[in-house]
Amino acid sequence: MRSGDEAGFREFARERALPLRRTAFLLCGDWHLAEDLVQVALIKLYRVWPKVARTGPVDNYARQVLLRCWLDERRRPWRRNERRDGVVPEEPRFDPADAGISGDLLRALAEVPPKQRAAVVLRYCADLPVADVAKALRCSEGTVRSQAARGLEALRAALTRLESSAAERSV
């Protein structure tokens, strides 16, 4: 890679790593996994940087790579076998507020199915237009709209369940 391309990639990675990590966190709900996903996405992006940088804005492509990394990670068999209900040995390094979202909303977002969660996060948290979300998810704009609507419905239902269970515990 030429030094100009190298410098361009370093600048992009420096500027976009935190927003990409936030998006990854909203997708997976785990800061450590979000960091891993961003690193894998940046490595994949580095491999094609000269080609991608010449074609125009890289942000959409980077989000698409990040989304694909997350979906690939979810498909790995060891993820399905891993139990995530144990005690975490250390305090989390990040506060959910770092993502600009409340803890209740994060827990509710974790209950939304993956494709719907991706549509909701990209559409409403990353504030992308429907066309860009469709391109990232590799589906039609109508599918994005329906997945986002179903995702919002599932999110509302999860929030209602969380609020009612919190109310029952306080009584």
N, C-alpha and C. Protein backbone atom coordinates (compact mmCIF):
# COMPACT_ATOMS: atom_id res chain seq x y z
N MET A 1 0.86 -1.17 0.00
CA MET A 1 0.00 0.00 0.00
C MET A 1 0.90 1.23 0.00
N ARG A 2 0.49 2.23 -0.79
CA ARG A 2 1.26 3.47 -0.85
C ARG A 2 1.13 4.26 0.44
N SER A 3 2.10 5.10 0.69
CA SER A 3 2.11 5.86 1.95
C SER A 3 0.90 6.80 2.06
N GLY A 4 0.45 7.36 0.94
CA GLY A 4 -0.75 8.21 0.96
C GLY A 4 -1.99 7.42 1.35
N ASP A 5 -2.11 6.20 0.81
CA ASP A 5 -3.23 5.34 1.17
C ASP A 5 -3.15 4.92 2.63
N GLU A 6 -1.93 4.62 3.07
CA GLU A 6 -1.71 4.22 4.46
C GLU A 6 -2.13 5.35 5.41
N ALA A 7 -1.72 6.57 5.08
CA ALA A 7 -2.08 7.72 5.92
C ALA A 7 -3.58 7.96 5.90
N GLY A 8 -4.21 7.78 4.75
CA GLY A 8 -5.66 7.95 4.65
C GLY A 8 -6.40 6.93 5.49
N PHE A 9 -5.92 5.68 5.48
CA PHE A 9 -6.56 4.66 6.29
C PHE A 9 -6.39 4.95 7.77
N ARG A 10 -5.18 5.34 8.17
CA ARG A 10 -4.93 5.64 9.58
C ARG A 10 -5.85 6.77 10.06
N GLU A 11 -6.01 7.79 9.23
CA GLU A 11 -6.89 8.91 9.59
C GLU A 11 -8.34 8.44 9.72
N PHE A 12 -8.79 7.63 8.76
CA PHE A 12 -10.14 7.09 8.82
C PHE A 12 -10.34 6.27 10.08
N ALA A 13 -9.40 5.37 10.37
CA ALA A 13 -9.52 4.50 11.55
C ALA A 13 -9.53 5.34 12.82
N ARG A 14 -8.71 6.37 12.87
CA ARG A 14 -8.66 7.23 14.06
C ARG A 14 -9.99 7.96 14.27
N GLU A 15 -10.57 8.45 13.19
CA GLU A 15 -11.82 9.22 13.30
C GLU A 15 -13.05 8.35 13.49
N ARG A 16 -13.08 7.19 12.88
CA ARG A 16 -14.31 6.40 12.84
C ARG A 16 -14.33 5.21 13.80
N ALA A 17 -13.25 4.93 14.51
CA ALA A 17 -13.22 3.76 15.39
C ALA A 17 -14.27 3.86 16.50
N LEU A 18 -14.41 5.01 17.14
CA LEU A 18 -15.39 5.15 18.22
C LEU A 18 -16.83 5.05 17.73
N PRO A 19 -17.22 5.74 16.64
CA PRO A 19 -18.59 5.55 16.15
C PRO A 19 -18.86 4.11 15.70
N LEU A 20 -17.86 3.46 15.11
CA LEU A 20 -18.05 2.07 14.70
C LEU A 20 -18.19 1.17 15.93
N ARG A 21 -17.41 1.46 16.98
CA ARG A 21 -17.52 0.67 18.20
C ARG A 21 -18.88 0.85 18.85
N ARG A 22 -19.41 2.06 18.81
CA ARG A 22 -20.74 2.32 19.37
C ARG A 22 -21.78 1.52 18.61
N THR A 23 -21.70 1.53 17.28
CA THR A 23 -22.64 0.76 16.47
C THR A 23 -22.51 -0.72 16.76
N ALA A 24 -21.27 -1.20 16.86
CA ALA A 24 -21.05 -2.62 17.15
C ALA A 24 -21.62 -2.99 18.52
N PHE A 25 -21.45 -2.09 19.49
CA PHE A 25 -21.98 -2.35 20.83
C PHE A 25 -23.51 -2.43 20.79
N LEU A 26 -24.13 -1.55 20.04
CA LEU A 26 -25.58 -1.59 19.95
C LEU A 26 -26.06 -2.86 19.25
N LEU A 27 -25.26 -3.40 18.36
CA LEU A 27 -25.62 -4.64 17.69
C LEU A 27 -25.45 -5.85 18.62
N CYS A 28 -24.32 -5.90 19.34
CA CYS A 28 -24.02 -7.13 20.10
C CYS A 28 -24.26 -7.00 21.60
N GLY A 29 -24.25 -5.78 22.15
CA GLY A 29 -24.50 -5.60 23.57
C GLY A 29 -23.32 -5.94 24.48
N ASP A 30 -22.13 -6.07 23.94
CA ASP A 30 -20.95 -6.42 24.72
C ASP A 30 -19.78 -5.57 24.23
N TRP A 31 -19.23 -4.74 25.13
CA TRP A 31 -18.16 -3.81 24.72
C TRP A 31 -16.93 -4.56 24.23
N HIS A 32 -16.60 -5.66 24.87
CA HIS A 32 -15.40 -6.40 24.46
C HIS A 32 -15.57 -6.99 23.07
N LEU A 33 -16.72 -7.59 22.83
CA LEU A 33 -16.99 -8.13 21.51
C LEU A 33 -17.08 -7.00 20.49
N ALA A 34 -17.63 -5.86 20.88
CA ALA A 34 -17.72 -4.72 19.96
C ALA A 34 -16.33 -4.27 19.54
N GLU A 35 -15.39 -4.22 20.47
CA GLU A 35 -14.02 -3.85 20.11
C GLU A 35 -13.42 -4.87 19.15
N ASP A 36 -13.66 -6.15 19.41
CA ASP A 36 -13.15 -7.19 18.51
C ASP A 36 -13.75 -7.05 17.12
N LEU A 37 -15.05 -6.80 17.06
CA LEU A 37 -15.72 -6.65 15.77
C LEU A 37 -15.15 -5.46 14.99
N VAL A 38 -14.90 -4.36 15.67
CA VAL A 38 -14.34 -3.18 15.00
C VAL A 38 -12.94 -3.50 14.49
N GLN A 39 -12.15 -4.20 15.28
CA GLN A 39 -10.81 -4.55 14.84
C GLN A 39 -10.84 -5.44 13.60
N VAL A 40 -11.71 -6.44 13.61
CA VAL A 40 -11.83 -7.33 12.44
C VAL A 40 -12.31 -6.53 11.23
N ALA A 41 -13.28 -5.66 11.43
CA ALA A 41 -13.79 -4.85 10.32
C ALA A 41 -12.70 -3.93 9.76
N LEU A 42 -11.91 -3.33 10.64
CA LEU A 42 -10.83 -2.45 10.16
C LEU A 42 -9.76 -3.25 9.42
N ILE A 43 -9.48 -4.46 9.88
CA ILE A 43 -8.51 -5.29 9.17
C ILE A 43 -9.02 -5.62 7.77
N LYS A 44 -10.28 -6.00 7.68
CA LYS A 44 -10.86 -6.30 6.36
C LYS A 44 -10.89 -5.06 5.47
N LEU A 45 -11.17 -3.93 6.07
CA LEU A 45 -11.20 -2.68 5.32
C LEU A 45 -9.80 -2.28 4.86
N TYR A 46 -8.80 -2.54 5.68
CA TYR A 46 -7.42 -2.21 5.33
C TYR A 46 -6.99 -2.95 4.07
N ARG A 47 -7.42 -4.20 3.96
CA ARG A 47 -7.03 -5.03 2.81
C ARG A 47 -7.50 -4.45 1.48
N VAL A 48 -8.63 -3.75 1.49
CA VAL A 48 -9.18 -3.21 0.24
C VAL A 48 -9.19 -1.69 0.23
N TRP A 49 -8.45 -1.07 1.13
CA TRP A 49 -8.51 0.38 1.30
C TRP A 49 -8.26 1.17 0.02
N PRO A 50 -7.20 0.91 -0.76
CA PRO A 50 -6.98 1.75 -1.95
C PRO A 50 -8.17 1.72 -2.91
N LYS A 51 -8.76 0.57 -3.09
CA LYS A 51 -9.90 0.44 -4.00
C LYS A 51 -11.13 1.17 -3.44
N VAL A 52 -11.41 0.97 -2.16
CA VAL A 52 -12.59 1.56 -1.52
C VAL A 52 -12.46 3.07 -1.41
N ALA A 53 -11.28 3.55 -1.07
CA ALA A 53 -11.07 4.99 -0.88
C ALA A 53 -11.24 5.75 -2.19
N ARG A 54 -10.90 5.11 -3.31
CA ARG A 54 -11.05 5.78 -4.61
C ARG A 54 -12.50 5.87 -5.06
N THR A 55 -13.35 4.96 -4.59
CA THR A 55 -14.73 4.92 -5.08
C THR A 55 -15.65 5.92 -4.38
N GLY A 56 -15.20 6.53 -3.30
CA GLY A 56 -16.05 7.52 -2.65
C GLY A 56 -16.11 7.35 -1.16
N PRO A 57 -17.22 7.80 -0.53
CA PRO A 57 -17.33 7.72 0.94
C PRO A 57 -17.19 6.29 1.45
N VAL A 58 -16.44 6.15 2.50
CA VAL A 58 -16.11 4.82 3.02
C VAL A 58 -17.00 4.44 4.20
N ASP A 59 -17.68 5.40 4.82
CA ASP A 59 -18.46 5.12 6.03
C ASP A 59 -19.50 4.02 5.83
N ASN A 60 -20.25 4.09 4.75
CA ASN A 60 -21.28 3.07 4.51
C ASN A 60 -20.67 1.70 4.33
N TYR A 61 -19.57 1.65 3.58
CA TYR A 61 -18.91 0.37 3.37
C TYR A 61 -18.37 -0.18 4.70
N ALA A 62 -17.81 0.70 5.53
CA ALA A 62 -17.29 0.26 6.83
C ALA A 62 -18.40 -0.29 7.71
N ARG A 63 -19.56 0.37 7.72
CA ARG A 63 -20.68 -0.15 8.51
C ARG A 63 -21.16 -1.49 7.97
N GLN A 64 -21.14 -1.64 6.65
CA GLN A 64 -21.55 -2.90 6.05
C GLN A 64 -20.59 -4.01 6.44
N VAL A 65 -19.30 -3.74 6.42
CA VAL A 65 -18.30 -4.73 6.83
C VAL A 65 -18.49 -5.08 8.30
N LEU A 66 -18.73 -4.07 9.13
CA LEU A 66 -18.95 -4.30 10.56
C LEU A 66 -20.18 -5.18 10.78
N LEU A 67 -21.25 -4.89 10.08
CA LEU A 67 -22.47 -5.68 10.20
C LEU A 67 -22.22 -7.13 9.79
N ARG A 68 -21.49 -7.33 8.69
CA ARG A 68 -21.18 -8.69 8.23
C ARG A 68 -20.31 -9.42 9.26
N CYS A 69 -19.36 -8.71 9.87
CA CYS A 69 -18.52 -9.32 10.90
C CYS A 69 -19.37 -9.78 12.07
N TRP A 70 -20.33 -8.94 12.48
CA TRP A 70 -21.20 -9.30 13.60
C TRP A 70 -22.06 -10.52 13.25
N LEU A 71 -22.64 -10.52 12.06
CA LEU A 71 -23.47 -11.66 11.66
C LEU A 71 -22.63 -12.93 11.56
N ASP A 72 -21.40 -12.83 11.04
CA ASP A 72 -20.52 -14.00 10.98
C ASP A 72 -20.18 -14.50 12.37
N GLU A 73 -19.93 -13.57 13.28
CA GLU A 73 -19.60 -13.94 14.66
C GLU A 73 -20.77 -14.68 15.32
N ARG A 74 -21.98 -14.25 15.05
CA ARG A 74 -23.15 -14.91 15.64
C ARG A 74 -23.33 -16.32 15.10
N ARG A 75 -22.85 -16.57 13.90
CA ARG A 75 -23.03 -17.89 13.29
C ARG A 75 -22.00 -18.91 13.77
N ARG A 76 -20.95 -18.45 14.43
CA ARG A 76 -19.91 -19.37 14.87
C ARG A 76 -20.45 -20.32 15.92
N PRO A 77 -20.17 -21.60 15.78
CA PRO A 77 -20.75 -22.58 16.71
C PRO A 77 -20.34 -22.36 18.16
N TRP A 78 -19.13 -21.93 18.43
CA TRP A 78 -18.71 -21.78 19.82
C TRP A 78 -19.49 -20.68 20.52
N ARG A 79 -20.03 -19.72 19.77
CA ARG A 79 -20.85 -18.68 20.38
C ARG A 79 -22.16 -19.27 20.90
N ARG A 80 -22.69 -20.22 20.17
CA ARG A 80 -23.96 -20.83 20.60
C ARG A 80 -23.77 -21.67 21.85
N ASN A 81 -22.60 -22.26 22.02
CA ASN A 81 -22.35 -23.13 23.15
C ASN A 81 -21.88 -22.37 24.39
N GLU A 82 -21.44 -21.16 24.21
CA GLU A 82 -20.94 -20.39 25.34
C GLU A 82 -22.09 -19.92 26.22
N ARG A 83 -21.91 -20.09 27.52
CA ARG A 83 -22.93 -19.62 28.47
C ARG A 83 -22.58 -18.20 28.87
N ARG A 84 -23.53 -17.31 28.78
CA ARG A 84 -23.29 -15.91 29.09
C ARG A 84 -24.03 -15.48 30.34
N ASP A 85 -24.33 -16.41 31.23
CA ASP A 85 -25.06 -16.05 32.43
C ASP A 85 -24.19 -16.12 33.68
N GLY A 86 -22.90 -16.34 33.51
CA GLY A 86 -21.99 -16.44 34.64
C GLY A 86 -21.59 -15.07 35.16
N VAL A 87 -20.78 -15.08 36.18
CA VAL A 87 -20.31 -13.85 36.79
C VAL A 87 -19.12 -13.33 36.00
N VAL A 88 -19.13 -12.07 35.70
CA VAL A 88 -18.04 -11.45 34.98
C VAL A 88 -16.90 -11.22 35.98
N PRO A 89 -15.69 -11.64 35.65
CA PRO A 89 -14.61 -11.55 36.63
C PRO A 89 -14.09 -10.14 36.87
N GLU A 90 -14.41 -9.21 36.02
CA GLU A 90 -13.92 -7.85 36.19
C GLU A 90 -15.04 -6.86 35.90
N GLU A 91 -14.87 -5.67 36.36
CA GLU A 91 -15.85 -4.63 36.08
C GLU A 91 -15.76 -4.23 34.61
N PRO A 92 -16.87 -3.95 33.96
CA PRO A 92 -16.80 -3.51 32.58
C PRO A 92 -16.04 -2.20 32.48
N ARG A 93 -15.28 -2.05 31.40
CA ARG A 93 -14.50 -0.84 31.20
C ARG A 93 -15.35 0.31 30.72
N PHE A 94 -16.52 0.00 30.19
CA PHE A 94 -17.35 1.03 29.59
C PHE A 94 -18.73 1.04 30.23
N ASP A 95 -19.28 2.18 30.29
CA ASP A 95 -20.62 2.37 30.81
C ASP A 95 -21.58 2.36 29.62
N PRO A 96 -22.76 1.73 29.73
CA PRO A 96 -23.70 1.78 28.62
C PRO A 96 -24.03 3.20 28.19
N ALA A 97 -23.87 4.14 29.09
CA ALA A 97 -24.13 5.54 28.73
C ALA A 97 -23.14 6.03 27.69
N ASP A 98 -21.97 5.35 27.58
CA ASP A 98 -21.01 5.72 26.54
C ASP A 98 -21.61 5.55 25.16
N ALA A 99 -22.55 4.65 25.03
CA ALA A 99 -23.21 4.43 23.75
C ALA A 99 -24.36 5.40 23.54
N GLY A 100 -24.63 6.23 24.54
CA GLY A 100 -25.72 7.18 24.43
C GLY A 100 -27.08 6.53 24.56
N ILE A 101 -27.15 5.47 25.37
CA ILE A 101 -28.38 4.71 25.48
C ILE A 101 -28.51 4.21 26.91
N SER A 102 -29.72 4.09 27.41
CA SER A 102 -29.93 3.66 28.80
C SER A 102 -29.74 2.15 28.94
N GLY A 103 -29.50 1.72 30.17
CA GLY A 103 -29.33 0.30 30.44
C GLY A 103 -30.57 -0.52 30.13
N ASP A 104 -31.75 0.03 30.46
CA ASP A 104 -33.00 -0.69 30.17
C ASP A 104 -33.19 -0.86 28.67
N LEU A 105 -32.89 0.18 27.93
CA LEU A 105 -33.03 0.10 26.48
C LEU A 105 -32.04 -0.90 25.90
N LEU A 106 -30.85 -0.95 26.46
CA LEU A 106 -29.86 -1.92 26.00
C LEU A 106 -30.32 -3.35 26.26
N ARG A 107 -30.86 -3.60 27.45
CA ARG A 107 -31.36 -4.94 27.76
C ARG A 107 -32.52 -5.31 26.84
N ALA A 108 -33.39 -4.35 26.56
CA ALA A 108 -34.50 -4.61 25.65
C ALA A 108 -34.00 -4.85 24.23
N LEU A 109 -32.99 -4.09 23.83
CA LEU A 109 -32.43 -4.25 22.48
C LEU A 109 -31.81 -5.63 22.31
N ALA A 110 -31.25 -6.18 23.38
CA ALA A 110 -30.65 -7.52 23.32
C ALA A 110 -31.70 -8.60 23.07
N GLU A 111 -32.97 -8.33 23.38
CA GLU A 111 -34.04 -9.31 23.17
C GLU A 111 -34.61 -9.27 21.75
N VAL A 112 -34.26 -8.25 20.99
CA VAL A 112 -34.76 -8.12 19.62
C VAL A 112 -33.97 -9.07 18.72
N PRO A 113 -34.63 -9.81 17.81
CA PRO A 113 -33.92 -10.71 16.91
C PRO A 113 -32.83 -9.99 16.11
N PRO A 114 -31.75 -10.68 15.74
CA PRO A 114 -30.58 -10.04 15.13
C PRO A 114 -30.85 -9.16 13.91
N LYS A 115 -31.56 -9.66 12.93
CA LYS A 115 -31.79 -8.85 11.72
C LYS A 115 -32.63 -7.62 12.03
N GLN A 116 -33.62 -7.79 12.88
CA GLN A 116 -34.45 -6.64 13.27
C GLN A 116 -33.61 -5.65 14.09
N ARG A 117 -32.77 -6.18 14.97
CA ARG A 117 -31.90 -5.31 15.77
C ARG A 117 -30.96 -4.52 14.85
N ALA A 118 -30.40 -5.20 13.84
CA ALA A 118 -29.51 -4.51 12.90
C ALA A 118 -30.26 -3.39 12.17
N ALA A 119 -31.48 -3.66 11.75
CA ALA A 119 -32.27 -2.64 11.06
C ALA A 119 -32.57 -1.46 11.99
N VAL A 120 -32.93 -1.74 13.23
CA VAL A 120 -33.25 -0.67 14.18
C VAL A 120 -32.00 0.14 14.51
N VAL A 121 -30.89 -0.54 14.78
CA VAL A 121 -29.66 0.17 15.14
C VAL A 121 -29.17 1.04 13.99
N LEU A 122 -29.12 0.47 12.79
CA LEU A 122 -28.62 1.25 11.66
C LEU A 122 -29.58 2.37 11.27
N ARG A 123 -30.86 2.11 11.35
CA ARG A 123 -31.84 3.11 10.92
C ARG A 123 -32.01 4.22 11.95
N TYR A 124 -32.13 3.88 13.22
CA TYR A 124 -32.48 4.88 14.23
C TYR A 124 -31.31 5.31 15.11
N CYS A 125 -30.38 4.42 15.42
CA CYS A 125 -29.25 4.81 16.26
C CYS A 125 -28.13 5.42 15.42
N ALA A 126 -27.82 4.82 14.27
CA ALA A 126 -26.81 5.37 13.39
C ALA A 126 -27.41 6.43 12.45
N ASP A 127 -28.74 6.56 12.46
CA ASP A 127 -29.46 7.58 11.70
C ASP A 127 -29.16 7.52 10.20
N LEU A 128 -29.18 6.29 9.67
CA LEU A 128 -28.94 6.10 8.24
C LEU A 128 -30.26 6.10 7.47
N PRO A 129 -30.23 6.59 6.24
CA PRO A 129 -31.45 6.50 5.42
C PRO A 129 -31.74 5.04 5.05
N VAL A 130 -32.98 4.79 4.69
CA VAL A 130 -33.42 3.43 4.39
C VAL A 130 -32.57 2.80 3.29
N ALA A 131 -32.21 3.57 2.28
CA ALA A 131 -31.42 3.04 1.16
C ALA A 131 -30.05 2.53 1.63
N ASP A 132 -29.42 3.27 2.53
CA ASP A 132 -28.10 2.85 3.04
C ASP A 132 -28.22 1.61 3.91
N VAL A 133 -29.27 1.53 4.71
CA VAL A 133 -29.48 0.35 5.54
C VAL A 133 -29.74 -0.87 4.65
N ALA A 134 -30.52 -0.68 3.60
CA ALA A 134 -30.81 -1.78 2.67
C ALA A 134 -29.52 -2.28 2.02
N LYS A 135 -28.66 -1.35 1.66
CA LYS A 135 -27.39 -1.75 1.05
C LYS A 135 -26.53 -2.51 2.05
N ALA A 136 -26.48 -2.04 3.30
CA ALA A 136 -25.68 -2.72 4.32
C ALA A 136 -26.23 -4.10 4.65
N LEU A 137 -27.54 -4.23 4.69
CA LEU A 137 -28.16 -5.52 5.02
C LEU A 137 -28.34 -6.42 3.80
N ARG A 138 -28.04 -5.87 2.62
CA ARG A 138 -28.19 -6.61 1.36
C ARG A 138 -29.62 -7.10 1.17
N CYS A 139 -30.55 -6.17 1.28
CA CYS A 139 -31.95 -6.50 1.09
C CYS A 139 -32.66 -5.29 0.48
N SER A 140 -33.93 -5.43 0.20
CA SER A 140 -34.68 -4.33 -0.39
C SER A 140 -35.06 -3.29 0.67
N GLU A 141 -35.42 -2.11 0.21
CA GLU A 141 -35.83 -1.05 1.12
C GLU A 141 -37.12 -1.42 1.86
N GLY A 142 -38.01 -2.13 1.19
CA GLY A 142 -39.23 -2.59 1.84
C GLY A 142 -38.94 -3.55 2.99
N THR A 143 -37.95 -4.42 2.79
CA THR A 143 -37.56 -5.34 3.85
C THR A 143 -36.99 -4.58 5.04
N VAL A 144 -36.21 -3.53 4.76
CA VAL A 144 -35.66 -2.72 5.84
C VAL A 144 -36.80 -2.08 6.64
N ARG A 145 -37.76 -1.52 5.93
CA ARG A 145 -38.89 -0.89 6.62
C ARG A 145 -39.65 -1.89 7.49
N SER A 146 -39.92 -3.07 6.93
CA SER A 146 -40.68 -4.06 7.70
C SER A 146 -39.84 -4.61 8.87
N GLN A 147 -38.55 -4.85 8.65
CA GLN A 147 -37.70 -5.34 9.74
C GLN A 147 -37.57 -4.29 10.84
N ALA A 148 -37.44 -3.02 10.44
CA ALA A 148 -37.34 -1.95 11.43
C ALA A 148 -38.64 -1.82 12.21
N ALA A 149 -39.77 -1.91 11.52
CA ALA A 149 -41.07 -1.80 12.20
C ALA A 149 -41.26 -2.97 13.17
N ARG A 150 -40.92 -4.18 12.73
CA ARG A 150 -41.04 -5.33 13.62
C ARG A 150 -40.05 -5.24 14.77
N GLY A 151 -38.87 -4.72 14.48
CA GLY A 151 -37.87 -4.55 15.53
C GLY A 151 -38.31 -3.55 16.57
N LEU A 152 -38.92 -2.44 16.13
CA LEU A 152 -39.43 -1.45 17.08
C LEU A 152 -40.56 -2.03 17.92
N GLU A 153 -41.40 -2.84 17.28
CA GLU A 153 -42.49 -3.50 18.00
C GLU A 153 -41.93 -4.45 19.06
N ALA A 154 -40.92 -5.24 18.68
CA ALA A 154 -40.29 -6.16 19.64
C ALA A 154 -39.58 -5.38 20.75
N LEU A 155 -38.99 -4.25 20.40
CA LEU A 155 -38.31 -3.41 21.38
C LEU A 155 -39.30 -2.84 22.39
N ARG A 156 -40.44 -2.37 21.89
CA ARG A 156 -41.48 -1.86 22.79
C ARG A 156 -41.98 -2.95 23.73
N ALA A 157 -42.22 -4.14 23.18
CA ALA A 157 -42.70 -5.25 24.00
C ALA A 157 -41.66 -5.62 25.06
N ALA A 158 -40.39 -5.64 24.69
CA ALA A 158 -39.34 -5.97 25.66
C ALA A 158 -39.25 -4.90 26.73
N LEU A 159 -39.37 -3.63 26.34
CA LEU A 159 -39.34 -2.54 27.33
C LEU A 159 -40.52 -2.64 28.29
N THR A 160 -41.69 -2.99 27.76
CA THR A 160 -42.87 -3.15 28.60
C THR A 160 -42.66 -4.28 29.61
N ARG A 161 -42.09 -5.42 29.15
CA ARG A 161 -41.79 -6.54 30.04
C ARG A 161 -40.80 -6.12 31.12
N LEU A 162 -39.76 -5.41 30.73
CA LEU A 162 -38.75 -4.97 31.70
C LEU A 162 -39.36 -4.01 32.74
N GLU A 163 -40.20 -3.09 32.27
CA GLU A 163 -40.83 -2.14 33.19
C GLU A 163 -41.78 -2.86 34.14
N SER A 164 -42.55 -3.82 33.62
CA SER A 164 -43.49 -4.53 34.50
C SER A 164 -42.76 -5.41 35.50
N SER A 165 -41.67 -6.02 35.09
CA SER A 165 -40.91 -6.86 36.03
C SER A 165 -40.22 -5.98 37.08
N ALA A 166 -39.78 -4.80 36.70
CA ALA A 166 -39.18 -3.86 37.67
C ALA A 166 -40.23 -3.36 38.66
N ALA A 167 -41.44 -3.13 38.17
CA ALA A 167 -42.54 -2.68 39.04
C ALA A 167 -42.91 -3.79 40.04
N GLU A 168 -42.92 -5.04 39.58
CA GLU A 168 -43.25 -6.17 40.46
C GLU A 168 -42.19 -6.34 41.54
N ARG A 169 -40.92 -6.13 41.19
CA ARG A 169 -39.85 -6.28 42.17
C ARG A 169 -39.90 -5.18 43.22
N SER A 170 -40.36 -3.99 42.84
CA SER A 170 -40.39 -2.89 43.80
C SER A 170 -41.58 -2.96 44.74
N VAL A 171 -42.58 -3.80 44.41
CA VAL A 171 -43.77 -3.93 45.26
C VAL A 171 -43.52 -4.88 46.39
